[in-house]
Amino acid sequence: MRSTGCWRVVVERNRAAALLLALLLGLGANALAASERAVVGLADTQFRVEVVREPPDRERGLMFRDTLPPGTGMLFVIDPSEPVAFWMKNVRFPLDILYFDDRGRLVEVAAEVPPCRRRPCPVYPSPGPVRYVLELPAGEAARLGLAPGAPLHLRNEP
């Protein structure tokens, strides 16, 4: 398959976005490849995550999935930073929703958020502008003893 100029532009934009994310987290140029998977570290524990950058993917999130296996999660990259609100519409299992600032520091946890069982679904807003939102299986934030200021570490998936 031949690559086209348009394809090359898309790849270069993805690489530029990945480099910007890595630099914002202070991790260096090779910390995050252009793939949509990464490994994040919190309190000496690593999670394999799907990286979500685009609004339509952010809206879909973990909808319609049956589980979120232990050791996995979803990382939403909000660029530029802004206040966000998450909901659990069509999510079938409880989650911890962790909000991080521009420096990759934890600012708040919405712990053990249940699936939406009534309409309208409750929303879980960030306390202000955030750059990253990490969804993990419910109970992980408590298990790790996470508190405001905890750093988010990001690297390539092996």
C-alpha atoms as a PDB file:
ATOM      1  CA  MET A   1       0.000   0.000   0.000  1.00  0.00           C
ATOM      2  CA  ARG A   2       1.374   3.389  -0.970  1.00  0.00           C
ATOM      3  CA  SER A   3       1.272   6.238   1.486  1.00  0.00           C
ATOM      4  CA  THR A   4      -0.264   9.475   0.325  1.00  0.00           C
ATOM      5  CA  GLY A   5       0.571  13.010   1.275  1.00  0.00           C
ATOM      6  CA  CYS A   6      -2.670  13.280   3.288  1.00  0.00           C
ATOM      7  CA  TRP A   7      -1.836  10.156   5.272  1.00  0.00           C
ATOM      8  CA  ARG A   8       1.638  11.520   6.003  1.00  0.00           C
ATOM      9  CA  VAL A   9       0.125  14.803   7.301  1.00  0.00           C
ATOM     10  CA  VAL A  10      -2.190  12.865   9.645  1.00  0.00           C
ATOM     11  CA  VAL A  11       0.712  10.803  11.002  1.00  0.00           C
ATOM     12  CA  GLU A  12       2.849  13.898  11.496  1.00  0.00           C
ATOM     13  CA  ARG A  13      -0.007  15.678  13.318  1.00  0.00           C
ATOM     14  CA  ASN A  14      -0.463  12.648  15.604  1.00  0.00           C
ATOM     15  CA  ARG A  15       3.256  12.585  16.331  1.00  0.00           C
ATOM     16  CA  ALA A  16       3.208  16.310  17.070  1.00  0.00           C
ATOM     17  CA  ALA A  17       0.255  15.873  19.456  1.00  0.00           C
ATOM     18  CA  ALA A  18       2.011  12.961  21.179  1.00  0.00           C
ATOM     19  CA  LEU A  19       5.214  14.980  21.515  1.00  0.00           C
ATOM     20  CA  LEU A  20       3.282  17.925  22.970  1.00  0.00           C
ATOM     21  CA  LEU A  21       1.600  15.641  25.521  1.00  0.00           C
ATOM     22  CA  ALA A  22       4.931  14.119  26.506  1.00  0.00           C
ATOM     23  CA  LEU A  23       6.557  17.521  26.849  1.00  0.00           C
ATOM     24  CA  LEU A  24       3.649  18.853  28.915  1.00  0.00           C
ATOM     25  CA  LEU A  25       4.103  15.939  31.292  1.00  0.00           C
ATOM     26  CA  GLY A  26       7.859  16.564  31.349  1.00  0.00           C
ATOM     27  CA  LEU A  27       8.604  13.094  30.069  1.00  0.00           C
ATOM     28  CA  GLY A  28      10.663  13.807  26.969  1.00  0.00           C
ATOM     29  CA  ALA A  29      10.100  13.347  23.284  1.00  0.00           C
ATOM     30  CA  ASN A  30       9.806   9.546  23.248  1.00  0.00           C
ATOM     31  CA  ALA A  31       7.387   9.188  26.168  1.00  0.00           C
ATOM     32  CA  LEU A  32       4.293   8.642  24.031  1.00  0.00           C
ATOM     33  CA  ALA A  33       4.183   7.279  20.504  1.00  0.00           C
ATOM     34  CA  ALA A  34       1.509   8.225  17.993  1.00  0.00           C
ATOM     35  CA  SER A  35      -0.440   5.055  18.851  1.00  0.00           C
ATOM     36  CA  GLU A  36      -3.705   5.200  20.726  1.00  0.00           C
ATOM     37  CA  ARG A  37      -2.422   3.058  23.588  1.00  0.00           C
ATOM     38  CA  ALA A  38      -0.122   3.987  26.431  1.00  0.00           C
ATOM     39  CA  VAL A  39       0.908   2.959  29.911  1.00  0.00           C
ATOM     40  CA  VAL A  40       0.236   5.319  32.793  1.00  0.00           C
ATOM     41  CA  GLY A  41       1.733   5.103  36.228  1.00  0.00           C
ATOM     42  CA  LEU A  42       0.044   6.123  39.453  1.00  0.00           C
ATOM     43  CA  ALA A  43       1.498   5.452  42.902  1.00  0.00           C
ATOM     44  CA  ASP A  44       3.955   2.816  41.590  1.00  0.00           C
ATOM     45  CA  THR A  45       1.181   0.972  39.723  1.00  0.00           C
ATOM     46  CA  GLN A  46       0.926   0.788  35.946  1.00  0.00           C
ATOM     47  CA  PHE A  47      -2.241   0.722  33.860  1.00  0.00           C
ATOM     48  CA  ARG A  48      -2.532   0.008  30.132  1.00  0.00           C
ATOM     49  CA  VAL A  49      -4.831   2.663  28.732  1.00  0.00           C
ATOM     50  CA  GLU A  50      -6.553   3.636  25.538  1.00  0.00           C
ATOM     51  CA  VAL A  51      -5.769   7.252  24.680  1.00  0.00           C
ATOM     52  CA  VAL A  52      -8.751   9.345  23.555  1.00  0.00           C
ATOM     53  CA  ARG A  53      -8.094  12.702  21.911  1.00  0.00           C
ATOM     54  CA  GLU A  54     -11.052  13.582  19.703  1.00  0.00           C
ATOM     55  CA  PRO A  55     -14.468  14.851  20.922  1.00  0.00           C
ATOM     56  CA  PRO A  56     -16.527  12.092  19.219  1.00  0.00           C
ATOM     57  CA  ASP A  57     -14.325   9.430  20.853  1.00  0.00           C
ATOM     58  CA  ARG A  58     -14.541  11.293  24.171  1.00  0.00           C
ATOM     59  CA  GLU A  59     -18.337  11.220  23.966  1.00  0.00           C
ATOM     60  CA  ARG A  60     -18.331   7.468  23.313  1.00  0.00           C
ATOM     61  CA  GLY A  61     -15.707   6.622  25.946  1.00  0.00           C
ATOM     62  CA  LEU A  62     -16.439   3.247  27.538  1.00  0.00           C
ATOM     63  CA  MET A  63     -20.054   3.022  26.373  1.00  0.00           C
ATOM     64  CA  PHE A  64     -21.457  -0.403  25.509  1.00  0.00           C
ATOM     65  CA  ARG A  65     -18.511  -2.357  26.884  1.00  0.00           C
ATOM     66  CA  ASP A  66     -19.162  -5.184  29.307  1.00  0.00           C
ATOM     67  CA  THR A  67     -16.059  -4.780  31.463  1.00  0.00           C
ATOM     68  CA  LEU A  68     -12.898  -2.816  32.097  1.00  0.00           C
ATOM     69  CA  PRO A  69     -10.310  -5.451  32.995  1.00  0.00           C
ATOM     70  CA  PRO A  70      -8.061  -4.911  36.030  1.00  0.00           C
ATOM     71  CA  GLY A  71      -4.907  -3.011  35.149  1.00  0.00           C
ATOM     72  CA  THR A  72      -6.545  -1.118  32.272  1.00  0.00           C
ATOM     73  CA  GLY A  73      -8.247   2.226  31.747  1.00  0.00           C
ATOM     74  CA  MET A  74      -9.005   5.064  29.366  1.00  0.00           C
ATOM     75  CA  LEU A  75      -7.054   8.344  29.239  1.00  0.00           C
ATOM     76  CA  PHE A  76      -8.820  11.391  27.787  1.00  0.00           C
ATOM     77  CA  VAL A  77      -6.539  14.191  26.558  1.00  0.00           C
ATOM     78  CA  ILE A  78      -8.285  17.569  26.748  1.00  0.00           C
ATOM     79  CA  ASP A  79      -6.478  20.075  24.519  1.00  0.00           C
ATOM     80  CA  PRO A  80      -6.629  22.870  25.352  1.00  0.00           C
ATOM     81  CA  SER A  81      -7.398  22.446  29.043  1.00  0.00           C
ATOM     82  CA  GLU A  82     -10.991  23.193  29.918  1.00  0.00           C
ATOM     83  CA  PRO A  83     -13.670  22.277  32.448  1.00  0.00           C
ATOM     84  CA  VAL A  84     -15.276  18.961  31.496  1.00  0.00           C
ATOM     85  CA  ALA A  85     -18.139  16.834  32.723  1.00  0.00           C
ATOM     86  CA  PHE A  86     -18.426  13.068  32.347  1.00  0.00           C
ATOM     87  CA  TRP A  87     -21.475  10.867  32.580  1.00  0.00           C
ATOM     88  CA  MET A  88     -22.097   7.147  32.674  1.00  0.00           C
ATOM     89  CA  LYS A  89     -24.678   6.810  29.895  1.00  0.00           C
ATOM     90  CA  ASN A  90     -24.531   3.283  28.459  1.00  0.00           C
ATOM     91  CA  VAL A  91     -21.556   2.379  30.680  1.00  0.00           C
ATOM     92  CA  ARG A  92     -22.257  -0.988  32.278  1.00  0.00           C
ATOM     93  CA  PHE A  93     -19.875  -0.975  35.256  1.00  0.00           C
ATOM     94  CA  PRO A  94     -18.720   1.502  37.931  1.00  0.00           C
ATOM     95  CA  LEU A  95     -15.601   3.619  37.420  1.00  0.00           C
ATOM     96  CA  ASP A  96     -13.210   5.924  39.201  1.00  0.00           C
ATOM     97  CA  ILE A  97     -12.861   9.172  37.224  1.00  0.00           C
ATOM     98  CA  LEU A  98      -9.597  11.007  37.939  1.00  0.00           C
ATOM     99  CA  TYR A  99      -9.058  14.625  36.846  1.00  0.00           C
ATOM    100  CA  PHE A 100      -5.516  15.967  36.217  1.00  0.00           C
ATOM    101  CA  ASP A 101      -4.244  19.494  35.555  1.00  0.00           C
ATOM    102  CA  ASP A 102      -1.792  20.732  32.904  1.00  0.00           C
ATOM    103  CA  ARG A 103       1.158  19.447  34.941  1.00  0.00           C
ATOM    104  CA  GLY A 104      -0.308  15.944  35.187  1.00  0.00           C
ATOM    105  CA  ARG A 105      -1.186  16.392  38.875  1.00  0.00           C
ATOM    106  CA  LEU A 106      -4.359  14.880  40.308  1.00  0.00           C
ATOM    107  CA  VAL A 107      -6.899  17.532  41.245  1.00  0.00           C
ATOM    108  CA  GLU A 108      -9.959  15.413  42.051  1.00  0.00           C
ATOM    109  CA  VAL A 109     -11.384  11.896  42.023  1.00  0.00           C
ATOM    110  CA  ALA A 110     -15.000  10.967  41.382  1.00  0.00           C
ATOM    111  CA  ALA A 111     -14.838   7.588  43.123  1.00  0.00           C
ATOM    112  CA  GLU A 112     -16.931   4.523  42.382  1.00  0.00           C
ATOM    113  CA  VAL A 113     -19.215   6.302  39.934  1.00  0.00           C
ATOM    114  CA  PRO A 114     -22.132   3.941  39.195  1.00  0.00           C
ATOM    115  CA  PRO A 115     -23.612   3.223  35.768  1.00  0.00           C
ATOM    116  CA  CYS A 116     -26.491   5.512  34.826  1.00  0.00           C
ATOM    117  CA  ARG A 117     -29.792   3.917  35.844  1.00  0.00           C
ATOM    118  CA  ARG A 118     -32.081   6.959  35.444  1.00  0.00           C
ATOM    119  CA  ARG A 119     -32.606   9.738  32.947  1.00  0.00           C
ATOM    120  CA  PRO A 120     -31.219  12.274  32.782  1.00  0.00           C
ATOM    121  CA  CYS A 121     -27.892  10.729  33.751  1.00  0.00           C
ATOM    122  CA  PRO A 122     -26.002  12.515  36.530  1.00  0.00           C
ATOM    123  CA  VAL A 123     -22.865  14.337  35.414  1.00  0.00           C
ATOM    124  CA  TYR A 124     -19.501  14.374  37.158  1.00  0.00           C
ATOM    125  CA  PRO A 125     -17.793  17.712  36.442  1.00  0.00           C
ATOM    126  CA  SER A 126     -14.139  18.530  36.870  1.00  0.00           C
ATOM    127  CA  PRO A 127     -13.385  21.133  39.561  1.00  0.00           C
ATOM    128  CA  GLY A 128     -12.015  23.483  36.882  1.00  0.00           C
ATOM    129  CA  PRO A 129      -9.955  23.266  33.703  1.00  0.00           C
ATOM    130  CA  VAL A 130      -8.221  19.898  33.281  1.00  0.00           C
ATOM    131  CA  ARG A 131      -5.862  18.461  30.680  1.00  0.00           C
ATOM    132  CA  TYR A 132      -6.282  14.739  31.387  1.00  0.00           C
ATOM    133  CA  VAL A 133      -9.077  12.535  32.648  1.00  0.00           C
ATOM    134  CA  LEU A 134      -8.327   8.922  33.549  1.00  0.00           C
ATOM    135  CA  GLU A 135     -11.070   6.333  33.942  1.00  0.00           C
ATOM    136  CA  LEU A 136     -10.126   3.237  35.934  1.00  0.00           C
ATOM    137  CA  PRO A 137     -12.071   0.313  37.379  1.00  0.00           C
ATOM    138  CA  ALA A 138     -14.013   1.414  40.462  1.00  0.00           C
ATOM    139  CA  GLY A 139     -12.024   1.263  43.685  1.00  0.00           C
ATOM    140  CA  GLU A 140      -8.561   1.748  42.168  1.00  0.00           C
ATOM    141  CA  ALA A 141      -8.108   5.309  43.473  1.00  0.00           C
ATOM    142  CA  ALA A 142      -8.901   4.194  47.035  1.00  0.00           C
ATOM    143  CA  ARG A 143      -6.765   1.062  46.724  1.00  0.00           C
ATOM    144  CA  LEU A 144      -3.807   3.211  45.643  1.00  0.00           C
ATOM    145  CA  GLY A 145      -4.468   5.853  48.318  1.00  0.00           C
ATOM    146  CA  LEU A 146      -4.449   8.642  45.737  1.00  0.00           C
ATOM    147  CA  ALA A 147      -4.696  12.215  46.979  1.00  0.00           C
ATOM    148  CA  PRO A 148      -4.676  15.602  45.230  1.00  0.00           C
ATOM    149  CA  GLY A 149      -1.245  16.337  43.797  1.00  0.00           C
ATOM    150  CA  ALA A 150      -0.476  12.703  42.886  1.00  0.00           C
ATOM    151  CA  PRO A 151       1.474  12.687  39.602  1.00  0.00           C
ATOM    152  CA  LEU A 152       0.393  10.936  36.420  1.00  0.00           C
ATOM    153  CA  HIS A 153       3.303   9.239  34.605  1.00  0.00           C
ATOM    154  CA  LEU A 154       2.956   8.257  30.963  1.00  0.00           C
ATOM    155  CA  ARG A 155       5.098   6.086  28.681  1.00  0.00           C
ATOM    156  CA  ASN A 156       4.842   4.014  25.500  1.00  0.00           C
ATOM    157  CA  GLU A 157       3.049   0.711  25.613  1.00  0.00           C
ATOM    158  CA  PRO A 158       5.631  -2.085  25.333  1.00  0.00           C
END
